[in-house]
Amino acid sequence: MARRSLRPNLNQIRGWVRQGRTDAWIAHQLEVTVQQIQAFKKEHGLLPDGEDAGSGPDFDDEIDLRAEDDALIAAELEAAEAARREEEARRAEEEAARAAEAEEEAARRREEEEEAKKSRRSRRGGRTRKKATTQALEGTFDHGEEGYGLWLDPAVADNPVYAEHWAGHRPVTVTVEEDQIVIRRAGDDGDDDDD
């Protein structure tokens, strides 16, 4: 390590010596060796009050100063650790808040989609009910020379109920009543309901 001049730091070193700082501590602060600090102190007569050049500080005093330095360093480390934990907790809270907002947004979207599905279902259900009600079609009951016949409006082929249940040739039973003629598929148990 290149020897560096400590002369610019004379007042600072003098203050540290009066405070009782160790040579190792001062060397660390100025980034020099302990031997350089000891030599500088001897050259400039920077020995603590009551000490001569041959004696150093009491062993107990040196331990106390080091303990004090260690306590300061430990306090700084604890403060840094506490700040890091606070920052992590703050980030975790922010992340939890973002996650909660995202979940609320997703729940809101699901509710909107469900409402839209219900709305579509109710519209479909409404249309189905209208289709389920019998639409009156025009027709003619024919008393022809070849026999009796029922002629329906050709639009009956577009009726989905007719297309699903009645299209094609089907055997039927006919019930003639005073004000209506009822045509049912043969084999249906609808007649039993009236009994």
N, C-alpha and C. Protein backbone atom coordinates (compact mmCIF):
# COMPACT_ATOMS: atom_id res chain seq x y z
N MET A 1 0.87 -1.17 0.00
CA MET A 1 0.00 0.00 0.00
C MET A 1 0.91 1.23 0.00
N ALA A 2 0.64 2.16 -0.90
CA ALA A 2 1.45 3.38 -0.99
C ALA A 2 1.20 4.25 0.23
N ARG A 3 2.26 4.82 0.73
CA ARG A 3 2.14 5.66 1.92
C ARG A 3 1.49 6.96 1.52
N ARG A 4 0.48 7.32 2.24
CA ARG A 4 -0.26 8.53 1.92
C ARG A 4 -0.07 9.52 3.05
N SER A 5 -0.11 10.80 2.72
CA SER A 5 0.10 11.85 3.72
C SER A 5 -1.17 12.00 4.56
N LEU A 6 -0.97 11.97 5.87
CA LEU A 6 -2.10 12.12 6.78
C LEU A 6 -2.18 13.55 7.32
N ARG A 7 -1.26 14.42 6.88
CA ARG A 7 -1.22 15.79 7.36
C ARG A 7 -2.56 16.51 7.18
N PRO A 8 -3.28 16.36 6.04
CA PRO A 8 -4.56 17.06 5.89
C PRO A 8 -5.60 16.61 6.94
N ASN A 9 -5.41 15.43 7.53
CA ASN A 9 -6.36 14.91 8.50
C ASN A 9 -5.91 15.13 9.95
N LEU A 10 -4.95 16.02 10.18
CA LEU A 10 -4.38 16.22 11.51
C LEU A 10 -5.44 16.57 12.55
N ASN A 11 -6.29 17.55 12.28
CA ASN A 11 -7.31 17.96 13.25
C ASN A 11 -8.33 16.84 13.50
N GLN A 12 -8.67 16.15 12.45
CA GLN A 12 -9.64 15.05 12.60
C GLN A 12 -9.03 13.93 13.46
N ILE A 13 -7.79 13.60 13.20
CA ILE A 13 -7.12 12.54 13.98
C ILE A 13 -6.97 13.00 15.42
N ARG A 14 -6.62 14.27 15.65
CA ARG A 14 -6.47 14.80 17.01
C ARG A 14 -7.80 14.63 17.77
N GLY A 15 -8.94 14.98 17.11
CA GLY A 15 -10.25 14.83 17.75
C GLY A 15 -10.55 13.38 18.09
N TRP A 16 -10.23 12.46 17.20
CA TRP A 16 -10.48 11.04 17.45
C TRP A 16 -9.63 10.52 18.60
N VAL A 17 -8.38 10.99 18.66
CA VAL A 17 -7.50 10.57 19.76
C VAL A 17 -8.07 11.06 21.08
N ARG A 18 -8.53 12.30 21.13
CA ARG A 18 -9.13 12.83 22.36
C ARG A 18 -10.38 12.04 22.76
N GLN A 19 -11.14 11.57 21.75
CA GLN A 19 -12.33 10.77 22.04
C GLN A 19 -11.96 9.37 22.52
N GLY A 20 -10.72 8.99 22.33
CA GLY A 20 -10.27 7.67 22.77
C GLY A 20 -10.42 6.60 21.70
N ARG A 21 -10.54 7.01 20.46
CA ARG A 21 -10.66 6.02 19.38
C ARG A 21 -9.36 5.24 19.24
N THR A 22 -9.51 3.99 18.87
CA THR A 22 -8.32 3.13 18.72
C THR A 22 -7.63 3.44 17.41
N ASP A 23 -6.33 3.07 17.37
CA ASP A 23 -5.56 3.25 16.15
C ASP A 23 -6.18 2.46 14.99
N ALA A 24 -6.66 1.27 15.30
CA ALA A 24 -7.28 0.43 14.26
C ALA A 24 -8.54 1.11 13.70
N TRP A 25 -9.32 1.70 14.59
CA TRP A 25 -10.54 2.37 14.14
C TRP A 25 -10.20 3.56 13.24
N ILE A 26 -9.22 4.38 13.68
CA ILE A 26 -8.81 5.55 12.90
C ILE A 26 -8.24 5.11 11.55
N ALA A 27 -7.42 4.05 11.56
CA ALA A 27 -6.83 3.54 10.32
C ALA A 27 -7.92 3.09 9.35
N HIS A 28 -8.93 2.46 9.89
CA HIS A 28 -10.05 2.00 9.04
C HIS A 28 -10.80 3.19 8.44
N GLN A 29 -11.02 4.22 9.23
CA GLN A 29 -11.75 5.39 8.73
C GLN A 29 -10.98 6.11 7.63
N LEU A 30 -9.65 6.15 7.75
CA LEU A 30 -8.82 6.87 6.78
C LEU A 30 -8.25 5.96 5.70
N GLU A 31 -8.54 4.67 5.82
CA GLU A 31 -8.10 3.66 4.85
C GLU A 31 -6.58 3.64 4.73
N VAL A 32 -5.93 3.57 5.89
CA VAL A 32 -4.47 3.43 5.96
C VAL A 32 -4.16 2.30 6.94
N THR A 33 -2.88 2.02 7.14
CA THR A 33 -2.50 0.95 8.08
C THR A 33 -2.41 1.51 9.49
N VAL A 34 -2.49 0.60 10.45
CA VAL A 34 -2.38 0.97 11.86
C VAL A 34 -0.98 1.54 12.14
N GLN A 35 0.06 0.96 11.51
CA GLN A 35 1.42 1.44 11.71
C GLN A 35 1.57 2.89 11.24
N GLN A 36 0.91 3.26 10.16
CA GLN A 36 0.96 4.65 9.68
C GLN A 36 0.32 5.58 10.70
N ILE A 37 -0.79 5.16 11.29
CA ILE A 37 -1.46 5.99 12.30
C ILE A 37 -0.57 6.15 13.53
N GLN A 38 0.04 5.06 13.98
CA GLN A 38 0.91 5.12 15.17
C GLN A 38 2.11 6.03 14.91
N ALA A 39 2.71 5.92 13.74
CA ALA A 39 3.86 6.76 13.40
C ALA A 39 3.45 8.23 13.33
N PHE A 40 2.28 8.50 12.72
CA PHE A 40 1.79 9.87 12.59
C PHE A 40 1.53 10.47 13.96
N LYS A 41 0.94 9.69 14.86
CA LYS A 41 0.65 10.18 16.20
C LYS A 41 1.94 10.52 16.95
N LYS A 42 2.97 9.70 16.80
CA LYS A 42 4.25 9.96 17.47
C LYS A 42 4.89 11.22 16.91
N GLU A 43 4.87 11.39 15.58
CA GLU A 43 5.48 12.55 14.93
C GLU A 43 4.85 13.85 15.40
N HIS A 44 3.54 13.83 15.60
CA HIS A 44 2.82 15.06 15.92
C HIS A 44 2.41 15.15 17.39
N GLY A 45 2.89 14.22 18.20
CA GLY A 45 2.61 14.27 19.63
C GLY A 45 1.14 14.16 19.94
N LEU A 46 0.46 13.28 19.26
CA LEU A 46 -0.99 13.11 19.45
C LEU A 46 -1.29 11.94 20.38
N LEU A 47 -0.74 11.97 21.53
CA LEU A 47 -1.03 10.92 22.50
C LEU A 47 -2.12 11.41 23.43
N PRO A 48 -3.01 10.53 23.84
CA PRO A 48 -4.08 10.96 24.75
C PRO A 48 -3.50 11.54 26.02
N ASP A 49 -4.29 12.39 26.69
CA ASP A 49 -3.84 13.04 27.92
C ASP A 49 -3.39 12.00 28.93
N GLY A 50 -2.24 12.29 29.58
CA GLY A 50 -1.75 11.41 30.63
C GLY A 50 -0.96 10.23 30.12
N GLU A 51 -0.75 10.10 28.80
CA GLU A 51 0.01 8.98 28.27
C GLU A 51 1.37 9.47 27.82
N ASP A 52 2.35 8.66 27.97
CA ASP A 52 3.64 9.01 27.39
C ASP A 52 3.84 8.14 26.16
N ALA A 53 4.91 8.38 25.46
CA ALA A 53 5.12 7.72 24.17
C ALA A 53 5.24 6.21 24.30
N GLY A 54 5.68 5.72 25.44
CA GLY A 54 5.90 4.29 25.58
C GLY A 54 4.69 3.51 26.00
N SER A 55 3.66 4.17 26.47
CA SER A 55 2.51 3.40 26.96
C SER A 55 1.31 3.64 26.08
N GLY A 56 0.47 2.66 25.95
CA GLY A 56 -0.76 2.78 25.17
C GLY A 56 -1.93 2.94 26.10
N PRO A 57 -3.10 2.95 25.59
CA PRO A 57 -4.28 3.06 26.43
C PRO A 57 -4.45 1.82 27.28
N ASP A 58 -5.18 1.98 28.37
CA ASP A 58 -5.47 0.82 29.21
C ASP A 58 -6.20 -0.22 28.36
N PHE A 59 -5.92 -1.46 28.69
CA PHE A 59 -6.56 -2.55 27.96
C PHE A 59 -8.08 -2.49 28.11
N ASP A 60 -8.55 -2.18 29.32
CA ASP A 60 -9.99 -2.10 29.56
C ASP A 60 -10.63 -0.97 28.76
N ASP A 61 -9.94 0.19 28.68
CA ASP A 61 -10.47 1.31 27.90
C ASP A 61 -10.58 0.95 26.42
N GLU A 62 -9.56 0.26 25.91
CA GLU A 62 -9.57 -0.15 24.51
C GLU A 62 -10.73 -1.10 24.24
N ILE A 63 -10.98 -1.99 25.16
CA ILE A 63 -12.09 -2.93 25.01
C ILE A 63 -13.41 -2.17 25.01
N ASP A 64 -13.52 -1.21 25.92
CA ASP A 64 -14.76 -0.44 25.98
C ASP A 64 -15.00 0.33 24.68
N LEU A 65 -13.94 0.93 24.12
CA LEU A 65 -14.11 1.67 22.87
C LEU A 65 -14.47 0.74 21.73
N ARG A 66 -13.85 -0.39 21.70
CA ARG A 66 -14.17 -1.34 20.64
C ARG A 66 -15.61 -1.83 20.80
N ALA A 67 -15.99 -2.06 22.04
CA ALA A 67 -17.37 -2.50 22.27
C ALA A 67 -18.35 -1.42 21.84
N GLU A 68 -17.96 -0.16 22.12
CA GLU A 68 -18.82 0.95 21.70
C GLU A 68 -18.91 1.01 20.18
N ASP A 69 -17.76 0.84 19.51
CA ASP A 69 -17.76 0.83 18.04
C ASP A 69 -18.59 -0.33 17.51
N ASP A 70 -18.41 -1.49 18.12
CA ASP A 70 -19.18 -2.65 17.70
C ASP A 70 -20.68 -2.42 17.90
N ALA A 71 -21.01 -1.75 19.01
CA ALA A 71 -22.43 -1.47 19.27
C ALA A 71 -22.99 -0.52 18.23
N LEU A 72 -22.19 0.49 17.85
CA LEU A 72 -22.65 1.42 16.80
C LEU A 72 -22.84 0.71 15.47
N ILE A 73 -21.88 -0.14 15.14
CA ILE A 73 -21.98 -0.89 13.88
C ILE A 73 -23.18 -1.83 13.92
N ALA A 74 -23.37 -2.50 15.05
CA ALA A 74 -24.51 -3.40 15.19
C ALA A 74 -25.83 -2.63 15.07
N ALA A 75 -25.86 -1.43 15.67
CA ALA A 75 -27.08 -0.62 15.58
C ALA A 75 -27.36 -0.21 14.14
N GLU A 76 -26.28 0.15 13.41
CA GLU A 76 -26.45 0.51 11.99
C GLU A 76 -26.94 -0.69 11.19
N LEU A 77 -26.37 -1.86 11.46
CA LEU A 77 -26.80 -3.06 10.74
C LEU A 77 -28.25 -3.40 11.06
N GLU A 78 -28.63 -3.27 12.33
CA GLU A 78 -30.02 -3.55 12.72
C GLU A 78 -30.97 -2.56 12.07
N ALA A 79 -30.55 -1.28 12.00
CA ALA A 79 -31.40 -0.27 11.36
C ALA A 79 -31.56 -0.59 9.87
N ALA A 80 -30.46 -0.99 9.24
CA ALA A 80 -30.53 -1.35 7.82
C ALA A 80 -31.43 -2.56 7.61
N GLU A 81 -31.31 -3.55 8.50
CA GLU A 81 -32.15 -4.75 8.40
C GLU A 81 -33.62 -4.40 8.62
N ALA A 82 -33.88 -3.53 9.60
CA ALA A 82 -35.27 -3.11 9.86
C ALA A 82 -35.83 -2.36 8.65
N ALA A 83 -35.01 -1.51 8.04
CA ALA A 83 -35.46 -0.78 6.85
C ALA A 83 -35.75 -1.75 5.71
N ARG A 84 -34.88 -2.78 5.56
CA ARG A 84 -35.10 -3.77 4.51
C ARG A 84 -36.40 -4.53 4.75
N ARG A 85 -36.65 -4.92 6.02
CA ARG A 85 -37.89 -5.63 6.34
C ARG A 85 -39.11 -4.77 6.09
N GLU A 86 -39.01 -3.49 6.47
CA GLU A 86 -40.13 -2.57 6.21
C GLU A 86 -40.40 -2.45 4.71
N GLU A 87 -39.33 -2.36 3.93
CA GLU A 87 -39.49 -2.26 2.48
C GLU A 87 -40.13 -3.53 1.92
N GLU A 88 -39.68 -4.69 2.41
CA GLU A 88 -40.27 -5.95 1.95
C GLU A 88 -41.74 -6.03 2.34
N ALA A 89 -42.06 -5.59 3.57
CA ALA A 89 -43.45 -5.61 4.01
C ALA A 89 -44.30 -4.67 3.17
N ARG A 90 -43.75 -3.49 2.86
CA ARG A 90 -44.49 -2.53 2.02
C ARG A 90 -44.73 -3.12 0.63
N ARG A 91 -43.69 -3.75 0.07
CA ARG A 91 -43.84 -4.36 -1.26
C ARG A 91 -44.87 -5.50 -1.21
N ALA A 92 -44.82 -6.29 -0.14
CA ALA A 92 -45.78 -7.39 -0.01
C ALA A 92 -47.20 -6.86 0.09
N GLU A 93 -47.39 -5.76 0.86
CA GLU A 93 -48.71 -5.15 0.96
C GLU A 93 -49.19 -4.63 -0.39
N GLU A 94 -48.27 -3.98 -1.12
CA GLU A 94 -48.64 -3.47 -2.45
C GLU A 94 -49.00 -4.62 -3.38
N GLU A 95 -48.22 -5.69 -3.32
CA GLU A 95 -48.50 -6.86 -4.17
C GLU A 95 -49.84 -7.47 -3.80
N ALA A 96 -50.10 -7.58 -2.48
CA ALA A 96 -51.39 -8.13 -2.04
C ALA A 96 -52.54 -7.23 -2.49
N ALA A 97 -52.33 -5.92 -2.40
CA ALA A 97 -53.38 -4.99 -2.84
C ALA A 97 -53.62 -5.13 -4.34
N ARG A 98 -52.53 -5.25 -5.13
CA ARG A 98 -52.69 -5.44 -6.58
C ARG A 98 -53.41 -6.75 -6.87
N ALA A 99 -53.03 -7.82 -6.14
CA ALA A 99 -53.67 -9.12 -6.34
C ALA A 99 -55.16 -9.05 -5.99
N ALA A 100 -55.48 -8.35 -4.88
CA ALA A 100 -56.88 -8.21 -4.48
C ALA A 100 -57.66 -7.42 -5.53
N GLU A 101 -57.05 -6.35 -6.06
CA GLU A 101 -57.73 -5.57 -7.10
C GLU A 101 -57.95 -6.42 -8.34
N ALA A 102 -56.93 -7.21 -8.71
CA ALA A 102 -57.07 -8.08 -9.88
C ALA A 102 -58.18 -9.12 -9.66
N GLU A 103 -58.25 -9.68 -8.44
CA GLU A 103 -59.29 -10.66 -8.13
C GLU A 103 -60.67 -10.02 -8.17
N GLU A 104 -60.77 -8.80 -7.61
CA GLU A 104 -62.05 -8.09 -7.66
C GLU A 104 -62.47 -7.81 -9.09
N GLU A 105 -61.50 -7.41 -9.92
CA GLU A 105 -61.80 -7.13 -11.33
C GLU A 105 -62.25 -8.40 -12.03
N ALA A 106 -61.55 -9.52 -11.75
CA ALA A 106 -61.93 -10.80 -12.36
C ALA A 106 -63.32 -11.22 -11.90
N ALA A 107 -63.62 -11.04 -10.61
CA ALA A 107 -64.94 -11.39 -10.09
C ALA A 107 -66.02 -10.52 -10.73
N ARG A 108 -65.72 -9.23 -10.90
CA ARG A 108 -66.67 -8.33 -11.54
C ARG A 108 -66.93 -8.76 -12.98
N ARG A 109 -65.86 -9.14 -13.69
CA ARG A 109 -66.03 -9.60 -15.08
C ARG A 109 -66.86 -10.87 -15.13
N ARG A 110 -66.57 -11.81 -14.17
CA ARG A 110 -67.35 -13.06 -14.16
C ARG A 110 -68.82 -12.76 -13.91
N GLU A 111 -69.10 -11.82 -12.97
CA GLU A 111 -70.49 -11.46 -12.70
C GLU A 111 -71.14 -10.85 -13.94
N GLU A 112 -70.40 -9.98 -14.64
CA GLU A 112 -70.95 -9.37 -15.85
C GLU A 112 -71.23 -10.43 -16.91
N GLU A 113 -70.28 -11.38 -17.06
CA GLU A 113 -70.49 -12.45 -18.03
C GLU A 113 -71.69 -13.31 -17.65
N GLU A 114 -71.82 -13.61 -16.35
CA GLU A 114 -72.95 -14.41 -15.87
C GLU A 114 -74.26 -13.68 -16.12
N GLU A 115 -74.27 -12.38 -15.84
CA GLU A 115 -75.47 -11.58 -16.10
C GLU A 115 -75.81 -11.59 -17.59
N ALA A 116 -74.76 -11.47 -18.42
CA ALA A 116 -74.99 -11.49 -19.87
C ALA A 116 -75.55 -12.84 -20.30
N LYS A 117 -75.01 -13.94 -19.71
CA LYS A 117 -75.53 -15.27 -20.04
C LYS A 117 -76.98 -15.40 -19.60
N LYS A 118 -77.28 -14.93 -18.37
CA LYS A 118 -78.66 -14.99 -17.89
C LYS A 118 -79.56 -14.19 -18.80
N SER A 119 -79.08 -13.03 -19.21
CA SER A 119 -79.88 -12.18 -20.09
C SER A 119 -80.13 -12.90 -21.41
N ARG A 120 -79.07 -13.52 -21.96
CA ARG A 120 -79.26 -14.26 -23.22
C ARG A 120 -80.20 -15.43 -23.01
N ARG A 121 -80.04 -16.15 -21.86
CA ARG A 121 -80.92 -17.28 -21.59
C ARG A 121 -82.37 -16.82 -21.46
N SER A 122 -82.58 -15.71 -20.75
CA SER A 122 -83.95 -15.25 -20.58
C SER A 122 -84.53 -14.80 -21.91
N ARG A 123 -83.70 -14.21 -22.75
CA ARG A 123 -84.20 -13.83 -24.08
C ARG A 123 -84.54 -15.07 -24.87
N ARG A 124 -83.63 -16.06 -24.81
CA ARG A 124 -83.91 -17.30 -25.52
C ARG A 124 -85.15 -17.98 -24.93
N GLY A 125 -85.21 -17.99 -23.61
CA GLY A 125 -86.36 -18.60 -22.96
C GLY A 125 -87.63 -17.88 -23.35
N GLY A 126 -87.56 -16.57 -23.45
CA GLY A 126 -88.72 -15.80 -23.85
C GLY A 126 -89.15 -16.15 -25.25
N ARG A 127 -88.17 -16.24 -26.15
CA ARG A 127 -88.51 -16.61 -27.52
C ARG A 127 -89.06 -18.02 -27.56
N THR A 128 -88.49 -18.91 -26.74
CA THR A 128 -88.95 -20.29 -26.73
C THR A 128 -90.40 -20.35 -26.26
N ARG A 129 -90.72 -19.56 -25.24
CA ARG A 129 -92.10 -19.57 -24.77
C ARG A 129 -93.04 -19.07 -25.87
N LYS A 130 -92.61 -18.06 -26.60
CA LYS A 130 -93.47 -17.57 -27.68
C LYS A 130 -93.64 -18.64 -28.74
N LYS A 131 -92.55 -19.37 -29.02
CA LYS A 131 -92.64 -20.44 -30.02
C LYS A 131 -93.48 -21.59 -29.47
N ALA A 132 -93.39 -21.82 -28.15
CA ALA A 132 -94.13 -22.93 -27.56
C ALA A 132 -95.63 -22.66 -27.62
N THR A 133 -96.01 -21.38 -27.56
CA THR A 133 -97.44 -21.10 -27.69
C THR A 133 -97.83 -21.38 -29.13
N THR A 134 -98.97 -21.94 -29.29
CA THR A 134 -99.41 -22.34 -30.62
C THR A 134 -99.63 -21.13 -31.50
N GLN A 135 -98.95 -21.17 -32.61
CA GLN A 135 -99.18 -20.12 -33.59
C GLN A 135 -100.30 -20.61 -34.52
N ALA A 136 -101.22 -19.77 -34.67
CA ALA A 136 -102.35 -20.17 -35.53
C ALA A 136 -101.90 -20.14 -36.99
N LEU A 137 -102.13 -21.25 -37.64
CA LEU A 137 -101.85 -21.34 -39.07
C LEU A 137 -103.18 -21.49 -39.81
N GLU A 138 -103.21 -21.00 -41.00
CA GLU A 138 -104.44 -21.16 -41.79
C GLU A 138 -104.48 -22.57 -42.35
N GLY A 139 -105.64 -23.10 -42.42
CA GLY A 139 -105.82 -24.43 -42.98
C GLY A 139 -107.26 -24.59 -43.48
N THR A 140 -107.48 -25.65 -44.21
CA THR A 140 -108.81 -25.92 -44.75
C THR A 140 -109.15 -27.38 -44.52
N PHE A 141 -110.39 -27.60 -44.05
CA PHE A 141 -110.90 -28.95 -43.90
C PHE A 141 -111.69 -29.24 -45.16
N ASP A 142 -111.25 -30.22 -45.93
CA ASP A 142 -111.82 -30.45 -47.26
C ASP A 142 -112.73 -31.69 -47.24
N HIS A 143 -113.98 -31.49 -47.77
CA HIS A 143 -114.93 -32.59 -47.94
C HIS A 143 -114.92 -32.95 -49.42
N GLY A 144 -113.87 -33.57 -49.84
CA GLY A 144 -113.74 -33.85 -51.26
C GLY A 144 -114.43 -35.14 -51.67
N GLU A 145 -114.46 -35.36 -52.99
CA GLU A 145 -115.09 -36.56 -53.52
C GLU A 145 -114.29 -37.81 -53.19
N GLU A 146 -112.98 -37.63 -53.02
CA GLU A 146 -112.13 -38.77 -52.73
C GLU A 146 -112.05 -39.05 -51.24
N GLY A 147 -112.52 -38.19 -50.41
CA GLY A 147 -112.47 -38.39 -48.97
C GLY A 147 -112.28 -37.05 -48.27
N TYR A 148 -112.04 -37.13 -47.01
CA TYR A 148 -111.85 -35.92 -46.20
C TYR A 148 -110.36 -35.62 -46.11
N GLY A 149 -110.00 -34.35 -46.05
CA GLY A 149 -108.59 -33.97 -45.96
C GLY A 149 -108.40 -32.67 -45.19
N LEU A 150 -107.20 -32.48 -44.72
CA LEU A 150 -106.85 -31.26 -44.00
C LEU A 150 -105.68 -30.65 -44.76
N TRP A 151 -105.90 -29.44 -45.23
CA TRP A 151 -104.86 -28.72 -45.96
C TRP A 151 -104.33 -27.62 -45.06
N LEU A 152 -102.98 -27.62 -44.80
CA LEU A 152 -102.37 -26.61 -43.93
C LEU A 152 -101.57 -25.62 -44.76
N ASP A 153 -101.42 -24.45 -44.18
CA ASP A 153 -100.59 -23.40 -44.79
C ASP A 153 -99.18 -23.97 -45.00
N PRO A 154 -98.56 -23.76 -46.14
CA PRO A 154 -97.20 -24.28 -46.38
C PRO A 154 -96.17 -23.76 -45.36
N ALA A 155 -96.46 -22.67 -44.63
CA ALA A 155 -95.55 -22.15 -43.61
C ALA A 155 -95.37 -23.13 -42.46
N VAL A 156 -96.22 -24.15 -42.36
CA VAL A 156 -96.11 -25.13 -41.29
C VAL A 156 -94.76 -25.86 -41.38
N ALA A 157 -94.20 -25.96 -42.57
CA ALA A 157 -92.91 -26.64 -42.75
C ALA A 157 -91.78 -25.86 -42.06
N ASP A 158 -91.96 -24.55 -41.87
CA ASP A 158 -90.94 -23.72 -41.20
C ASP A 158 -91.06 -23.77 -39.68
N ASN A 159 -92.12 -24.33 -39.16
CA ASN A 159 -92.34 -24.40 -37.73
C ASN A 159 -91.42 -25.48 -37.15
N PRO A 160 -90.55 -25.14 -36.17
CA PRO A 160 -89.60 -26.14 -35.65
C PRO A 160 -90.30 -27.29 -34.93
N VAL A 161 -91.43 -27.04 -34.28
CA VAL A 161 -92.14 -28.12 -33.59
C VAL A 161 -92.68 -29.11 -34.63
N TYR A 162 -93.25 -28.58 -35.70
CA TYR A 162 -93.75 -29.45 -36.77
C TYR A 162 -92.59 -30.25 -37.38
N ALA A 163 -91.47 -29.55 -37.64
CA ALA A 163 -90.32 -30.22 -38.27
C ALA A 163 -89.79 -31.33 -37.37
N GLU A 164 -89.79 -31.12 -36.06
CA GLU A 164 -89.23 -32.11 -35.14
C GLU A 164 -90.19 -33.26 -34.87
N HIS A 165 -91.49 -32.97 -34.72
CA HIS A 165 -92.42 -34.00 -34.25
C HIS A 165 -93.43 -34.50 -35.29
N TRP A 166 -93.70 -33.75 -36.35
CA TRP A 166 -94.80 -34.12 -37.23
C TRP A 166 -94.42 -34.33 -38.69
N ALA A 167 -93.25 -33.89 -39.11
CA ALA A 167 -92.88 -33.97 -40.53
C ALA A 167 -92.88 -35.42 -41.00
N GLY A 168 -93.27 -35.64 -42.23
CA GLY A 168 -93.31 -36.98 -42.81
C GLY A 168 -94.68 -37.63 -42.61
N HIS A 169 -94.80 -38.88 -42.97
CA HIS A 169 -96.06 -39.63 -42.84
C HIS A 169 -96.13 -40.24 -41.45
N ARG A 170 -97.15 -39.86 -40.67
CA ARG A 170 -97.32 -40.35 -39.31
C ARG A 170 -98.76 -40.85 -39.14
N PRO A 171 -98.92 -41.99 -38.49
CA PRO A 171 -100.28 -42.44 -38.19
C PRO A 171 -100.84 -41.57 -37.06
N VAL A 172 -102.07 -41.16 -37.18
CA VAL A 172 -102.70 -40.28 -36.19
C VAL A 172 -104.05 -40.82 -35.77
N THR A 173 -104.53 -40.29 -34.63
CA THR A 173 -105.91 -40.54 -34.22
C THR A 173 -106.61 -39.20 -34.24
N VAL A 174 -107.86 -39.20 -34.61
CA VAL A 174 -108.62 -37.96 -34.73
C VAL A 174 -109.81 -38.05 -33.79
N THR A 175 -110.00 -36.98 -32.98
CA THR A 175 -111.14 -36.89 -32.09
C THR A 175 -111.96 -35.71 -32.56
N VAL A 176 -113.21 -35.95 -32.87
CA VAL A 176 -114.08 -34.88 -33.34
C VAL A 176 -114.95 -34.46 -32.17
N GLU A 177 -114.93 -33.18 -31.85
CA GLU A 177 -115.74 -32.63 -30.79
C GLU A 177 -116.59 -31.52 -31.39
N GLU A 178 -117.47 -30.98 -30.58
CA GLU A 178 -118.41 -29.98 -31.05
C GLU A 178 -117.74 -28.73 -31.60
N ASP A 179 -116.68 -28.26 -30.90
CA ASP A 179 -116.06 -27.01 -31.33
C ASP A 179 -114.61 -27.18 -31.79
N GLN A 180 -114.10 -28.42 -31.85
CA GLN A 180 -112.73 -28.63 -32.31
C GLN A 180 -112.54 -30.05 -32.80
N ILE A 181 -111.53 -30.21 -33.62
CA ILE A 181 -111.08 -31.53 -34.05
C ILE A 181 -109.64 -31.65 -33.55
N VAL A 182 -109.39 -32.70 -32.77
CA VAL A 182 -108.06 -32.89 -32.18
C VAL A 182 -107.36 -34.02 -32.91
N ILE A 183 -106.15 -33.72 -33.39
CA ILE A 183 -105.35 -34.72 -34.10
C ILE A 183 -104.15 -35.05 -33.21
N ARG A 184 -103.97 -36.33 -32.91
CA ARG A 184 -102.83 -36.76 -32.08
C ARG A 184 -102.10 -37.88 -32.81
N ARG A 185 -100.81 -37.98 -32.52
CA ARG A 185 -100.05 -39.11 -33.06
C ARG A 185 -100.62 -40.40 -32.50
N ALA A 186 -100.66 -41.39 -33.27
CA ALA A 186 -101.16 -42.69 -32.80
C ALA A 186 -100.15 -43.26 -31.82
N GLY A 187 -100.67 -43.84 -30.73
CA GLY A 187 -99.81 -44.45 -29.72
C GLY A 187 -99.52 -43.50 -28.55
N ASP A 188 -99.86 -42.21 -28.64
CA ASP A 188 -99.66 -41.30 -27.51
C ASP A 188 -100.69 -41.62 -26.45
N ASP A 189 -100.33 -41.49 -25.19
CA ASP A 189 -101.24 -41.78 -24.10
C ASP A 189 -102.03 -40.54 -23.69
N GLY A 190 -102.12 -39.55 -24.54
CA GLY A 190 -102.84 -38.33 -24.21
C GLY A 190 -104.29 -38.59 -23.93
N ASP A 191 -104.91 -39.65 -24.57
CA ASP A 191 -106.32 -39.93 -24.33
C ASP A 191 -106.54 -40.43 -22.91
N ASP A 192 -105.52 -41.09 -22.35
CA ASP A 192 -105.67 -41.63 -20.99
C ASP A 192 -105.75 -40.55 -19.95
N ASP A 193 -105.19 -39.36 -20.24
CA ASP A 193 -105.21 -38.27 -19.27
C ASP A 193 -106.64 -37.80 -19.01
N ASP A 194 -107.50 -37.91 -20.03
CA ASP A 194 -108.86 -37.42 -19.88
C ASP A 194 -109.69 -38.36 -19.02
N ASP A 195 -109.28 -39.65 -18.91
CA ASP A 195 -110.06 -40.64 -18.17
C ASP A 195 -110.01 -40.41 -16.70
